[in-house]
Amino acid sequence: MGVFRWNDRTRMWVSHVSAIGGTIAALQFTQWIKAPQGQESTLLFFLIPISVSAFLGGWKPGLAATSLSGLLSSYFLLSPLHSFWIDSPYDAAKLGALLGTGVLISILAESQHRTKRTADKIEIDKLLVPMERKIWLSFAGALALLAVTGLTSYWELAKLRENDGLVAHTHEVIASLRLVQSLVADAETGQRGFLITGDRA
C-alpha cells in the first residue's frame, strides 16, 4: 500500500513539473521557430505539455499547463508583445482555441483517471478498455479540430497578407500618378510663361 502511494505522489509531482517545464520549453521552441522565418506564432506546441501533464496527473496539472500556456502566449507571442492585452481578434481566437482545447483535454484525462480508479476499486477491467478507447478518440478529435483551425487561420492570414501587399502597391501607383500629374502641371505652367513673356527662365 505504501509503494502505491509513493508512486501516486511521484506521478503527480512529475505531472506538475511537466506542466511548468514543458510549457516553458514549448514557449522557447515556438520563439525559436518563429524568429528565423518571421512567421506568425503558432500555439499548437503548447498542446504537448498540456496533454502530457493531464495524462499523467489529471485535470489539475492539465489546467495548470493550460493556464500557464495562455499567460505565456499572450505575453511573449501575441501582439502587442510583453503585454497581456491582445489587439487582434485573430490572435484572441487562437488563444481561445488553445485554452478551450486545453480544458477539454484536462477534463477527458480526469475522466480517464477516475475510470481507472473506479475499475481498480470494483475490479472490472472490461469496462476500462472501451472507455479508454473513447477517451483516446476524443483526444484525437480535439487535436484534429485544433489542427484544422490552425491551418484555416494560417490560410486566412496568408490571404490577408497578400491583400495588404496589393493595397500597398495600389497606393504606390497612386502616388506615382500624382507625381506625374504634378510634373505635367509644372511643365504646362512653364510653357505658358514662355509663350507670354518669351523668357526661357
N, C-alpha and C. Protein backbone atom coordinates (compact mmCIF):
# COMPACT_ATOMS: atom_id res chain seq x y z
N MET A 1 0.83 -1.21 0.00
CA MET A 1 0.00 0.00 0.00
C MET A 1 0.86 1.25 0.00
N GLY A 2 1.98 1.20 0.81
CA GLY A 2 2.87 2.34 0.86
C GLY A 2 3.54 2.61 -0.48
N VAL A 3 3.88 1.53 -1.21
CA VAL A 3 4.51 1.70 -2.52
C VAL A 3 3.57 2.38 -3.49
N PHE A 4 2.28 2.02 -3.44
CA PHE A 4 1.29 2.61 -4.34
C PHE A 4 1.16 4.11 -4.09
N ARG A 5 1.14 4.50 -2.81
CA ARG A 5 1.02 5.93 -2.50
C ARG A 5 2.25 6.69 -2.98
N TRP A 6 3.41 6.08 -2.81
CA TRP A 6 4.64 6.74 -3.26
C TRP A 6 4.63 6.93 -4.77
N ASN A 7 4.19 5.91 -5.50
CA ASN A 7 4.10 6.01 -6.95
C ASN A 7 3.09 7.07 -7.36
N ASP A 8 1.98 7.13 -6.66
CA ASP A 8 0.95 8.10 -6.97
C ASP A 8 1.46 9.53 -6.74
N ARG A 9 2.16 9.74 -5.63
CA ARG A 9 2.72 11.07 -5.35
C ARG A 9 3.78 11.45 -6.38
N THR A 10 4.59 10.47 -6.74
CA THR A 10 5.63 10.74 -7.74
C THR A 10 5.02 11.12 -9.08
N ARG A 11 3.96 10.42 -9.46
CA ARG A 11 3.30 10.73 -10.73
C ARG A 11 2.72 12.14 -10.71
N MET A 12 2.11 12.54 -9.59
CA MET A 12 1.56 13.89 -9.50
C MET A 12 2.67 14.94 -9.56
N TRP A 13 3.80 14.64 -8.89
CA TRP A 13 4.93 15.56 -8.90
C TRP A 13 5.48 15.72 -10.32
N VAL A 14 5.64 14.59 -10.99
CA VAL A 14 6.15 14.63 -12.38
C VAL A 14 5.17 15.37 -13.29
N SER A 15 3.87 15.16 -13.07
CA SER A 15 2.88 15.83 -13.92
C SER A 15 2.91 17.35 -13.76
N HIS A 16 3.11 17.83 -12.52
CA HIS A 16 3.18 19.27 -12.32
C HIS A 16 4.49 19.85 -12.86
N VAL A 17 5.58 19.08 -12.72
CA VAL A 17 6.85 19.54 -13.30
C VAL A 17 6.75 19.62 -14.82
N SER A 18 6.11 18.62 -15.42
CA SER A 18 5.95 18.64 -16.88
C SER A 18 5.02 19.77 -17.32
N ALA A 19 4.04 20.11 -16.46
CA ALA A 19 3.14 21.22 -16.80
C ALA A 19 3.90 22.54 -16.87
N ILE A 20 4.83 22.75 -15.92
CA ILE A 20 5.58 24.01 -15.89
C ILE A 20 6.75 23.97 -16.87
N GLY A 21 7.60 22.94 -16.70
CA GLY A 21 8.79 22.86 -17.55
C GLY A 21 8.46 22.64 -19.01
N GLY A 22 7.47 21.79 -19.28
CA GLY A 22 7.09 21.54 -20.66
C GLY A 22 6.51 22.76 -21.34
N THR A 23 5.73 23.55 -20.59
CA THR A 23 5.15 24.77 -21.17
C THR A 23 6.22 25.80 -21.48
N ILE A 24 7.19 25.94 -20.58
CA ILE A 24 8.29 26.87 -20.85
C ILE A 24 9.10 26.39 -22.06
N ALA A 25 9.33 25.08 -22.15
CA ALA A 25 10.06 24.54 -23.31
C ALA A 25 9.28 24.78 -24.60
N ALA A 26 7.95 24.64 -24.55
CA ALA A 26 7.13 24.90 -25.74
C ALA A 26 7.23 26.36 -26.16
N LEU A 27 7.28 27.26 -25.18
CA LEU A 27 7.44 28.69 -25.49
C LEU A 27 8.78 28.94 -26.17
N GLN A 28 9.85 28.36 -25.62
CA GLN A 28 11.18 28.55 -26.20
C GLN A 28 11.24 28.01 -27.63
N PHE A 29 10.64 26.84 -27.84
CA PHE A 29 10.66 26.24 -29.17
C PHE A 29 9.85 27.07 -30.15
N THR A 30 8.69 27.58 -29.71
CA THR A 30 7.86 28.41 -30.58
C THR A 30 8.58 29.69 -30.97
N GLN A 31 9.27 30.32 -30.01
CA GLN A 31 10.03 31.53 -30.32
C GLN A 31 11.19 31.21 -31.25
N TRP A 32 11.79 30.03 -31.08
CA TRP A 32 12.94 29.66 -31.90
C TRP A 32 12.54 29.45 -33.36
N ILE A 33 11.41 28.77 -33.60
CA ILE A 33 10.99 28.53 -34.98
C ILE A 33 10.38 29.77 -35.60
N LYS A 34 9.90 30.71 -34.78
CA LYS A 34 9.30 31.92 -35.33
C LYS A 34 10.36 32.91 -35.77
N ALA A 35 11.47 33.02 -35.02
CA ALA A 35 12.45 34.07 -35.26
C ALA A 35 13.07 34.05 -36.65
N PRO A 36 13.63 32.90 -37.13
CA PRO A 36 14.30 32.96 -38.44
C PRO A 36 13.36 33.11 -39.62
N GLN A 37 12.12 32.68 -39.48
CA GLN A 37 11.20 32.72 -40.61
C GLN A 37 10.35 33.98 -40.61
N GLY A 38 10.20 34.63 -39.44
CA GLY A 38 9.38 35.83 -39.36
C GLY A 38 7.91 35.57 -39.51
N GLN A 39 7.47 34.35 -39.21
CA GLN A 39 6.07 34.00 -39.38
C GLN A 39 5.29 34.28 -38.10
N GLU A 40 3.97 34.23 -38.23
CA GLU A 40 3.12 34.36 -37.06
C GLU A 40 3.32 33.17 -36.13
N SER A 41 3.15 33.41 -34.84
CA SER A 41 3.37 32.35 -33.86
C SER A 41 2.22 31.34 -33.91
N THR A 42 2.59 30.07 -33.82
CA THR A 42 1.60 29.03 -33.68
C THR A 42 1.58 28.57 -32.23
N LEU A 43 0.41 28.26 -31.72
CA LEU A 43 0.28 27.85 -30.33
C LEU A 43 0.08 26.35 -30.19
N LEU A 44 0.22 25.62 -31.30
CA LEU A 44 -0.05 24.19 -31.26
C LEU A 44 0.92 23.43 -30.37
N PHE A 45 2.15 23.91 -30.25
CA PHE A 45 3.15 23.17 -29.47
C PHE A 45 2.82 23.16 -27.98
N PHE A 46 1.99 24.10 -27.52
CA PHE A 46 1.61 24.10 -26.11
C PHE A 46 0.69 22.92 -25.78
N LEU A 47 0.10 22.30 -26.79
CA LEU A 47 -0.76 21.15 -26.52
C LEU A 47 0.04 19.94 -26.02
N ILE A 48 1.33 19.90 -26.32
CA ILE A 48 2.14 18.76 -25.89
C ILE A 48 2.27 18.72 -24.37
N PRO A 49 2.75 19.80 -23.70
CA PRO A 49 2.81 19.73 -22.24
C PRO A 49 1.43 19.63 -21.58
N ILE A 50 0.43 20.23 -22.21
CA ILE A 50 -0.92 20.12 -21.65
C ILE A 50 -1.37 18.66 -21.67
N SER A 51 -1.17 17.98 -22.79
CA SER A 51 -1.61 16.59 -22.91
C SER A 51 -0.82 15.68 -21.98
N VAL A 52 0.51 15.88 -21.92
CA VAL A 52 1.35 15.01 -21.08
C VAL A 52 1.02 15.18 -19.62
N SER A 53 0.92 16.42 -19.16
CA SER A 53 0.64 16.66 -17.74
C SER A 53 -0.76 16.19 -17.36
N ALA A 54 -1.74 16.39 -18.26
CA ALA A 54 -3.10 15.92 -17.96
C ALA A 54 -3.16 14.40 -17.98
N PHE A 55 -2.44 13.77 -18.89
CA PHE A 55 -2.43 12.32 -18.96
C PHE A 55 -1.80 11.71 -17.71
N LEU A 56 -0.75 12.36 -17.18
CA LEU A 56 -0.08 11.83 -16.00
C LEU A 56 -0.84 12.12 -14.71
N GLY A 57 -1.38 13.34 -14.59
CA GLY A 57 -1.93 13.74 -13.30
C GLY A 57 -3.39 14.10 -13.26
N GLY A 58 -4.06 14.19 -14.42
CA GLY A 58 -5.47 14.54 -14.39
C GLY A 58 -5.72 16.01 -14.65
N TRP A 59 -6.83 16.51 -14.14
CA TRP A 59 -7.28 17.84 -14.51
C TRP A 59 -6.46 18.97 -13.87
N LYS A 60 -5.93 18.76 -12.67
CA LYS A 60 -5.20 19.85 -12.02
C LYS A 60 -3.93 20.23 -12.77
N PRO A 61 -3.00 19.31 -13.02
CA PRO A 61 -1.83 19.71 -13.81
C PRO A 61 -2.18 20.09 -15.25
N GLY A 62 -3.24 19.48 -15.80
CA GLY A 62 -3.66 19.85 -17.15
C GLY A 62 -4.13 21.29 -17.23
N LEU A 63 -4.95 21.70 -16.24
CA LEU A 63 -5.41 23.09 -16.23
C LEU A 63 -4.28 24.05 -15.87
N ALA A 64 -3.33 23.57 -15.03
CA ALA A 64 -2.16 24.41 -14.73
C ALA A 64 -1.36 24.68 -15.99
N ALA A 65 -1.12 23.64 -16.79
CA ALA A 65 -0.39 23.82 -18.04
C ALA A 65 -1.18 24.69 -19.02
N THR A 66 -2.50 24.52 -19.05
CA THR A 66 -3.35 25.34 -19.93
C THR A 66 -3.28 26.81 -19.54
N SER A 67 -3.41 27.10 -18.24
CA SER A 67 -3.36 28.49 -17.77
C SER A 67 -2.00 29.12 -18.04
N LEU A 68 -0.94 28.38 -17.74
CA LEU A 68 0.41 28.90 -17.98
C LEU A 68 0.66 29.12 -19.47
N SER A 69 0.15 28.22 -20.31
CA SER A 69 0.30 28.38 -21.76
C SER A 69 -0.41 29.65 -22.24
N GLY A 70 -1.60 29.90 -21.70
CA GLY A 70 -2.32 31.10 -22.09
C GLY A 70 -1.60 32.38 -21.68
N LEU A 71 -1.07 32.38 -20.45
CA LEU A 71 -0.36 33.58 -19.97
C LEU A 71 0.92 33.82 -20.77
N LEU A 72 1.71 32.77 -20.98
CA LEU A 72 2.97 32.93 -21.71
C LEU A 72 2.71 33.33 -23.17
N SER A 73 1.68 32.75 -23.77
CA SER A 73 1.37 33.07 -25.17
C SER A 73 0.98 34.53 -25.32
N SER A 74 0.08 34.99 -24.45
CA SER A 74 -0.40 36.37 -24.58
C SER A 74 0.70 37.38 -24.27
N TYR A 75 1.66 37.01 -23.41
CA TYR A 75 2.70 37.97 -23.02
C TYR A 75 3.89 37.97 -23.97
N PHE A 76 4.29 36.79 -24.46
CA PHE A 76 5.52 36.69 -25.23
C PHE A 76 5.32 36.48 -26.73
N LEU A 77 4.13 36.02 -27.16
CA LEU A 77 3.97 35.65 -28.56
C LEU A 77 2.95 36.49 -29.32
N LEU A 78 1.90 36.93 -28.64
CA LEU A 78 0.81 37.63 -29.33
C LEU A 78 0.98 39.14 -29.22
N SER A 79 0.59 39.83 -30.27
CA SER A 79 0.75 41.28 -30.33
C SER A 79 -0.32 41.97 -29.47
N PRO A 80 0.06 43.03 -28.72
CA PRO A 80 1.40 43.59 -28.54
C PRO A 80 2.22 42.75 -27.57
N LEU A 81 3.53 42.63 -27.85
CA LEU A 81 4.40 41.81 -27.01
C LEU A 81 4.58 42.44 -25.64
N HIS A 82 4.87 41.58 -24.67
CA HIS A 82 5.12 41.98 -23.29
C HIS A 82 3.92 42.72 -22.69
N SER A 83 2.76 42.24 -23.05
CA SER A 83 1.51 42.76 -22.50
C SER A 83 0.47 41.65 -22.58
N PHE A 84 -0.41 41.62 -21.59
CA PHE A 84 -1.47 40.62 -21.60
C PHE A 84 -2.67 41.07 -22.43
N TRP A 85 -2.62 42.30 -22.95
CA TRP A 85 -3.69 42.79 -23.83
C TRP A 85 -3.48 42.24 -25.23
N ILE A 86 -4.57 41.85 -25.91
CA ILE A 86 -4.49 41.30 -27.26
C ILE A 86 -5.27 42.21 -28.20
N ASP A 87 -4.58 42.73 -29.21
CA ASP A 87 -5.21 43.66 -30.16
C ASP A 87 -6.02 42.94 -31.23
N SER A 88 -5.46 41.85 -31.76
CA SER A 88 -6.04 41.22 -32.94
C SER A 88 -7.13 40.21 -32.57
N PRO A 89 -8.30 40.29 -33.18
CA PRO A 89 -9.32 39.25 -32.96
C PRO A 89 -8.84 37.88 -33.41
N TYR A 90 -7.97 37.85 -34.42
CA TYR A 90 -7.41 36.57 -34.87
C TYR A 90 -6.56 35.94 -33.78
N ASP A 91 -5.71 36.76 -33.13
CA ASP A 91 -4.89 36.23 -32.03
C ASP A 91 -5.75 35.82 -30.85
N ALA A 92 -6.80 36.58 -30.58
CA ALA A 92 -7.71 36.21 -29.49
C ALA A 92 -8.40 34.88 -29.78
N ALA A 93 -8.74 34.66 -31.05
CA ALA A 93 -9.37 33.38 -31.41
C ALA A 93 -8.39 32.23 -31.26
N LYS A 94 -7.12 32.45 -31.65
CA LYS A 94 -6.10 31.41 -31.48
C LYS A 94 -5.93 31.06 -30.00
N LEU A 95 -5.87 32.10 -29.16
CA LEU A 95 -5.69 31.85 -27.73
C LEU A 95 -6.91 31.16 -27.14
N GLY A 96 -8.10 31.58 -27.57
CA GLY A 96 -9.32 30.93 -27.09
C GLY A 96 -9.39 29.47 -27.49
N ALA A 97 -8.95 29.17 -28.73
CA ALA A 97 -8.93 27.77 -29.17
C ALA A 97 -7.96 26.94 -28.34
N LEU A 98 -6.80 27.52 -28.03
CA LEU A 98 -5.82 26.80 -27.20
C LEU A 98 -6.38 26.53 -25.81
N LEU A 99 -6.96 27.54 -25.18
CA LEU A 99 -7.49 27.38 -23.83
C LEU A 99 -8.66 26.39 -23.82
N GLY A 100 -9.55 26.49 -24.80
CA GLY A 100 -10.68 25.57 -24.87
C GLY A 100 -10.24 24.13 -25.06
N THR A 101 -9.25 23.93 -25.94
CA THR A 101 -8.75 22.58 -26.16
C THR A 101 -8.03 22.05 -24.92
N GLY A 102 -7.28 22.93 -24.24
CA GLY A 102 -6.60 22.51 -23.02
C GLY A 102 -7.57 22.09 -21.93
N VAL A 103 -8.65 22.84 -21.78
CA VAL A 103 -9.67 22.47 -20.79
C VAL A 103 -10.32 21.13 -21.16
N LEU A 104 -10.61 20.96 -22.45
CA LEU A 104 -11.21 19.70 -22.90
C LEU A 104 -10.28 18.52 -22.64
N ILE A 105 -9.00 18.68 -22.95
CA ILE A 105 -8.03 17.61 -22.71
C ILE A 105 -7.95 17.30 -21.22
N SER A 106 -7.95 18.32 -20.39
CA SER A 106 -7.86 18.11 -18.94
C SER A 106 -9.07 17.35 -18.42
N ILE A 107 -10.25 17.71 -18.93
CA ILE A 107 -11.47 17.03 -18.49
C ILE A 107 -11.47 15.57 -18.93
N LEU A 108 -11.05 15.33 -20.16
CA LEU A 108 -11.01 13.95 -20.66
C LEU A 108 -9.98 13.12 -19.91
N ALA A 109 -8.84 13.72 -19.61
CA ALA A 109 -7.81 13.00 -18.85
C ALA A 109 -8.29 12.67 -17.44
N GLU A 110 -8.97 13.62 -16.81
CA GLU A 110 -9.51 13.36 -15.47
C GLU A 110 -10.56 12.26 -15.52
N SER A 111 -11.35 12.25 -16.58
CA SER A 111 -12.33 11.18 -16.73
C SER A 111 -11.64 9.83 -16.85
N GLN A 112 -10.53 9.81 -17.57
CA GLN A 112 -9.77 8.57 -17.70
C GLN A 112 -9.21 8.13 -16.35
N HIS A 113 -8.69 9.05 -15.56
CA HIS A 113 -8.14 8.71 -14.25
C HIS A 113 -9.25 8.21 -13.31
N ARG A 114 -10.39 8.84 -13.35
CA ARG A 114 -11.49 8.39 -12.50
C ARG A 114 -11.97 7.01 -12.90
N THR A 115 -11.99 6.77 -14.21
CA THR A 115 -12.40 5.45 -14.68
C THR A 115 -11.42 4.37 -14.20
N LYS A 116 -10.13 4.70 -14.25
CA LYS A 116 -9.13 3.75 -13.77
C LYS A 116 -9.28 3.49 -12.29
N ARG A 117 -9.49 4.55 -11.52
CA ARG A 117 -9.65 4.36 -10.08
C ARG A 117 -10.89 3.54 -9.76
N THR A 118 -11.97 3.81 -10.48
CA THR A 118 -13.20 3.05 -10.26
C THR A 118 -13.01 1.59 -10.64
N ALA A 119 -12.30 1.37 -11.77
CA ALA A 119 -12.06 -0.01 -12.20
C ALA A 119 -11.18 -0.76 -11.20
N ASP A 120 -10.21 -0.05 -10.59
CA ASP A 120 -9.37 -0.68 -9.58
C ASP A 120 -10.17 -1.06 -8.34
N LYS A 121 -11.12 -0.21 -8.00
CA LYS A 121 -11.89 -0.48 -6.78
C LYS A 121 -12.88 -1.63 -6.98
N ILE A 122 -13.55 -1.65 -8.11
CA ILE A 122 -14.59 -2.68 -8.33
C ILE A 122 -14.06 -3.87 -9.12
N GLU A 123 -12.76 -3.76 -9.58
CA GLU A 123 -12.10 -4.87 -10.28
C GLU A 123 -12.87 -5.33 -11.51
N ILE A 124 -13.24 -4.35 -12.34
CA ILE A 124 -13.89 -4.68 -13.61
C ILE A 124 -13.04 -4.08 -14.72
N ASP A 125 -12.08 -4.85 -15.16
CA ASP A 125 -11.16 -4.36 -16.19
C ASP A 125 -11.82 -4.26 -17.57
N LYS A 126 -12.90 -4.99 -17.78
CA LYS A 126 -13.54 -4.97 -19.09
C LYS A 126 -14.16 -3.61 -19.39
N LEU A 127 -14.52 -2.87 -18.35
CA LEU A 127 -15.12 -1.55 -18.57
C LEU A 127 -14.06 -0.51 -18.93
N LEU A 128 -12.81 -0.79 -18.57
CA LEU A 128 -11.76 0.19 -18.77
C LEU A 128 -11.34 0.30 -20.23
N VAL A 129 -11.30 -0.83 -20.93
CA VAL A 129 -10.81 -0.84 -22.31
C VAL A 129 -11.67 0.00 -23.24
N PRO A 130 -13.01 -0.21 -23.29
CA PRO A 130 -13.80 0.65 -24.19
C PRO A 130 -13.80 2.11 -23.77
N MET A 131 -13.74 2.37 -22.45
CA MET A 131 -13.73 3.75 -22.01
C MET A 131 -12.44 4.45 -22.42
N GLU A 132 -11.31 3.77 -22.29
CA GLU A 132 -10.04 4.35 -22.73
C GLU A 132 -10.05 4.62 -24.23
N ARG A 133 -10.66 3.70 -24.97
CA ARG A 133 -10.74 3.89 -26.43
C ARG A 133 -11.54 5.15 -26.77
N LYS A 134 -12.64 5.36 -26.05
CA LYS A 134 -13.45 6.56 -26.30
C LYS A 134 -12.68 7.83 -25.94
N ILE A 135 -11.94 7.75 -24.85
CA ILE A 135 -11.19 8.93 -24.42
C ILE A 135 -10.10 9.26 -25.42
N TRP A 136 -9.39 8.23 -25.90
CA TRP A 136 -8.34 8.48 -26.88
C TRP A 136 -8.92 9.00 -28.20
N LEU A 137 -10.09 8.51 -28.56
CA LEU A 137 -10.75 9.04 -29.76
C LEU A 137 -11.13 10.50 -29.56
N SER A 138 -11.56 10.84 -28.35
CA SER A 138 -11.90 12.24 -28.07
C SER A 138 -10.66 13.11 -28.13
N PHE A 139 -9.53 12.60 -27.59
CA PHE A 139 -8.26 13.31 -27.69
C PHE A 139 -7.92 13.58 -29.15
N ALA A 140 -7.99 12.53 -29.95
CA ALA A 140 -7.64 12.66 -31.36
C ALA A 140 -8.56 13.65 -32.07
N GLY A 141 -9.85 13.62 -31.73
CA GLY A 141 -10.78 14.55 -32.33
C GLY A 141 -10.47 15.99 -31.97
N ALA A 142 -10.14 16.22 -30.69
CA ALA A 142 -9.81 17.58 -30.25
C ALA A 142 -8.56 18.10 -30.94
N LEU A 143 -7.52 17.25 -31.03
CA LEU A 143 -6.29 17.67 -31.69
C LEU A 143 -6.51 17.91 -33.19
N ALA A 144 -7.32 17.04 -33.82
CA ALA A 144 -7.61 17.24 -35.24
C ALA A 144 -8.37 18.54 -35.47
N LEU A 145 -9.32 18.84 -34.56
CA LEU A 145 -10.08 20.09 -34.69
C LEU A 145 -9.17 21.30 -34.56
N LEU A 146 -8.25 21.25 -33.61
CA LEU A 146 -7.34 22.37 -33.44
C LEU A 146 -6.40 22.50 -34.64
N ALA A 147 -5.96 21.36 -35.18
CA ALA A 147 -5.09 21.40 -36.35
C ALA A 147 -5.80 22.02 -37.55
N VAL A 148 -7.06 21.65 -37.75
CA VAL A 148 -7.84 22.23 -38.86
C VAL A 148 -8.02 23.73 -38.64
N THR A 149 -8.29 24.11 -37.39
CA THR A 149 -8.45 25.53 -37.08
C THR A 149 -7.15 26.30 -37.35
N GLY A 150 -6.02 25.69 -36.96
CA GLY A 150 -4.74 26.35 -37.20
C GLY A 150 -4.42 26.51 -38.68
N LEU A 151 -4.68 25.45 -39.46
CA LEU A 151 -4.41 25.53 -40.90
C LEU A 151 -5.32 26.55 -41.58
N THR A 152 -6.59 26.56 -41.17
CA THR A 152 -7.52 27.54 -41.74
C THR A 152 -7.10 28.96 -41.40
N SER A 153 -6.70 29.17 -40.15
CA SER A 153 -6.27 30.50 -39.74
C SER A 153 -5.02 30.93 -40.50
N TYR A 154 -4.09 29.99 -40.70
CA TYR A 154 -2.87 30.31 -41.44
C TYR A 154 -3.20 30.68 -42.89
N TRP A 155 -4.14 29.96 -43.50
CA TRP A 155 -4.54 30.26 -44.88
C TRP A 155 -5.18 31.64 -44.96
N GLU A 156 -6.05 31.96 -44.00
CA GLU A 156 -6.69 33.27 -43.99
C GLU A 156 -5.66 34.38 -43.78
N LEU A 157 -4.67 34.11 -42.92
CA LEU A 157 -3.63 35.11 -42.68
C LEU A 157 -2.81 35.34 -43.94
N ALA A 158 -2.51 34.26 -44.67
CA ALA A 158 -1.76 34.41 -45.92
C ALA A 158 -2.53 35.25 -46.93
N LYS A 159 -3.84 35.00 -47.03
CA LYS A 159 -4.67 35.80 -47.93
C LYS A 159 -4.68 37.27 -47.51
N LEU A 160 -4.77 37.50 -46.18
CA LEU A 160 -4.79 38.87 -45.69
C LEU A 160 -3.49 39.59 -46.01
N ARG A 161 -2.36 38.88 -45.86
CA ARG A 161 -1.08 39.50 -46.19
C ARG A 161 -0.99 39.80 -47.68
N GLU A 162 -1.51 38.90 -48.51
CA GLU A 162 -1.49 39.14 -49.96
C GLU A 162 -2.32 40.37 -50.31
N ASN A 163 -3.49 40.49 -49.68
CA ASN A 163 -4.34 41.66 -49.93
C ASN A 163 -3.67 42.95 -49.46
N ASP A 164 -2.97 42.88 -48.31
CA ASP A 164 -2.26 44.06 -47.83
C ASP A 164 -1.17 44.47 -48.83
N GLY A 165 -0.49 43.47 -49.40
CA GLY A 165 0.53 43.80 -50.40
C GLY A 165 -0.06 44.48 -51.63
N LEU A 166 -1.24 44.00 -52.07
CA LEU A 166 -1.90 44.62 -53.23
C LEU A 166 -2.33 46.05 -52.92
N VAL A 167 -2.84 46.27 -51.70
CA VAL A 167 -3.26 47.61 -51.30
C VAL A 167 -2.06 48.56 -51.27
N ALA A 168 -0.95 48.06 -50.71
CA ALA A 168 0.26 48.89 -50.66
C ALA A 168 0.75 49.24 -52.08
N HIS A 169 0.69 48.26 -52.99
CA HIS A 169 1.10 48.51 -54.38
C HIS A 169 0.18 49.55 -55.03
N THR A 170 -1.10 49.46 -54.75
CA THR A 170 -2.06 50.44 -55.30
C THR A 170 -1.73 51.85 -54.82
N HIS A 171 -1.41 51.98 -53.54
CA HIS A 171 -1.04 53.29 -53.01
C HIS A 171 0.23 53.82 -53.67
N GLU A 172 1.18 52.93 -53.94
CA GLU A 172 2.40 53.36 -54.62
C GLU A 172 2.10 53.86 -56.03
N VAL A 173 1.23 53.15 -56.75
CA VAL A 173 0.86 53.57 -58.10
C VAL A 173 0.16 54.92 -58.08
N ILE A 174 -0.75 55.10 -57.11
CA ILE A 174 -1.47 56.38 -57.00
C ILE A 174 -0.49 57.52 -56.72
N ALA A 175 0.48 57.26 -55.81
CA ALA A 175 1.47 58.29 -55.51
C ALA A 175 2.30 58.64 -56.74
N SER A 176 2.66 57.63 -57.53
CA SER A 176 3.43 57.87 -58.76
C SER A 176 2.63 58.69 -59.76
N LEU A 177 1.33 58.37 -59.90
CA LEU A 177 0.48 59.12 -60.83
C LEU A 177 0.33 60.58 -60.39
N ARG A 178 0.22 60.79 -59.06
CA ARG A 178 0.13 62.17 -58.58
C ARG A 178 1.42 62.95 -58.86
N LEU A 179 2.56 62.27 -58.75
CA LEU A 179 3.82 62.92 -59.05
C LEU A 179 3.90 63.29 -60.53
N VAL A 180 3.47 62.36 -61.39
CA VAL A 180 3.47 62.65 -62.83
C VAL A 180 2.53 63.80 -63.15
N GLN A 181 1.36 63.80 -62.49
CA GLN A 181 0.40 64.89 -62.71
C GLN A 181 0.99 66.23 -62.29
N SER A 182 1.72 66.22 -61.17
CA SER A 182 2.33 67.47 -60.71
C SER A 182 3.41 67.94 -61.68
N LEU A 183 4.20 67.02 -62.21
CA LEU A 183 5.25 67.40 -63.17
C LEU A 183 4.64 67.94 -64.46
N VAL A 184 3.56 67.31 -64.91
CA VAL A 184 2.88 67.80 -66.13
C VAL A 184 2.33 69.19 -65.91
N ALA A 185 1.73 69.42 -64.72
CA ALA A 185 1.19 70.75 -64.43
C ALA A 185 2.30 71.80 -64.39
N ASP A 186 3.46 71.43 -63.81
CA ASP A 186 4.59 72.37 -63.79
C ASP A 186 5.08 72.68 -65.21
N ALA A 187 5.11 71.64 -66.06
CA ALA A 187 5.55 71.85 -67.44
C ALA A 187 4.60 72.77 -68.20
N GLU A 188 3.28 72.58 -68.00
CA GLU A 188 2.30 73.44 -68.67
C GLU A 188 2.43 74.88 -68.19
N THR A 189 2.66 75.04 -66.89
CA THR A 189 2.82 76.40 -66.36
C THR A 189 4.06 77.07 -66.96
N GLY A 190 5.15 76.32 -67.06
CA GLY A 190 6.37 76.89 -67.66
C GLY A 190 6.19 77.23 -69.13
N GLN A 191 5.43 76.38 -69.84
CA GLN A 191 5.19 76.63 -71.26
C GLN A 191 4.37 77.91 -71.44
N ARG A 192 3.33 78.10 -70.62
CA ARG A 192 2.51 79.32 -70.72
C ARG A 192 3.37 80.56 -70.45
N GLY A 193 4.21 80.44 -69.42
CA GLY A 193 5.05 81.60 -69.11
C GLY A 193 5.99 81.95 -70.25
N PHE A 194 6.52 80.93 -70.90
CA PHE A 194 7.42 81.18 -72.03
C PHE A 194 6.68 81.81 -73.19
N LEU A 195 5.45 81.31 -73.49
CA LEU A 195 4.67 81.87 -74.59
C LEU A 195 4.28 83.31 -74.33
N ILE A 196 4.04 83.66 -73.07
CA ILE A 196 3.58 85.02 -72.76
C ILE A 196 4.77 85.98 -72.69
N THR A 197 5.83 85.57 -72.03
CA THR A 197 6.95 86.50 -71.79
C THR A 197 8.11 86.28 -72.75
N GLY A 198 8.21 85.06 -73.29
CA GLY A 198 9.35 84.73 -74.13
C GLY A 198 10.61 84.48 -73.33
N ASP A 199 10.51 84.47 -72.03
CA ASP A 199 11.66 84.23 -71.16
C ASP A 199 11.74 82.74 -70.86
N ARG A 200 12.87 82.09 -71.25
CA ARG A 200 13.04 80.67 -71.03
C ARG A 200 13.21 80.34 -69.54
N ALA A 201 13.65 81.30 -68.73
CA ALA A 201 13.83 81.05 -67.31
C ALA A 201 12.49 80.90 -66.65
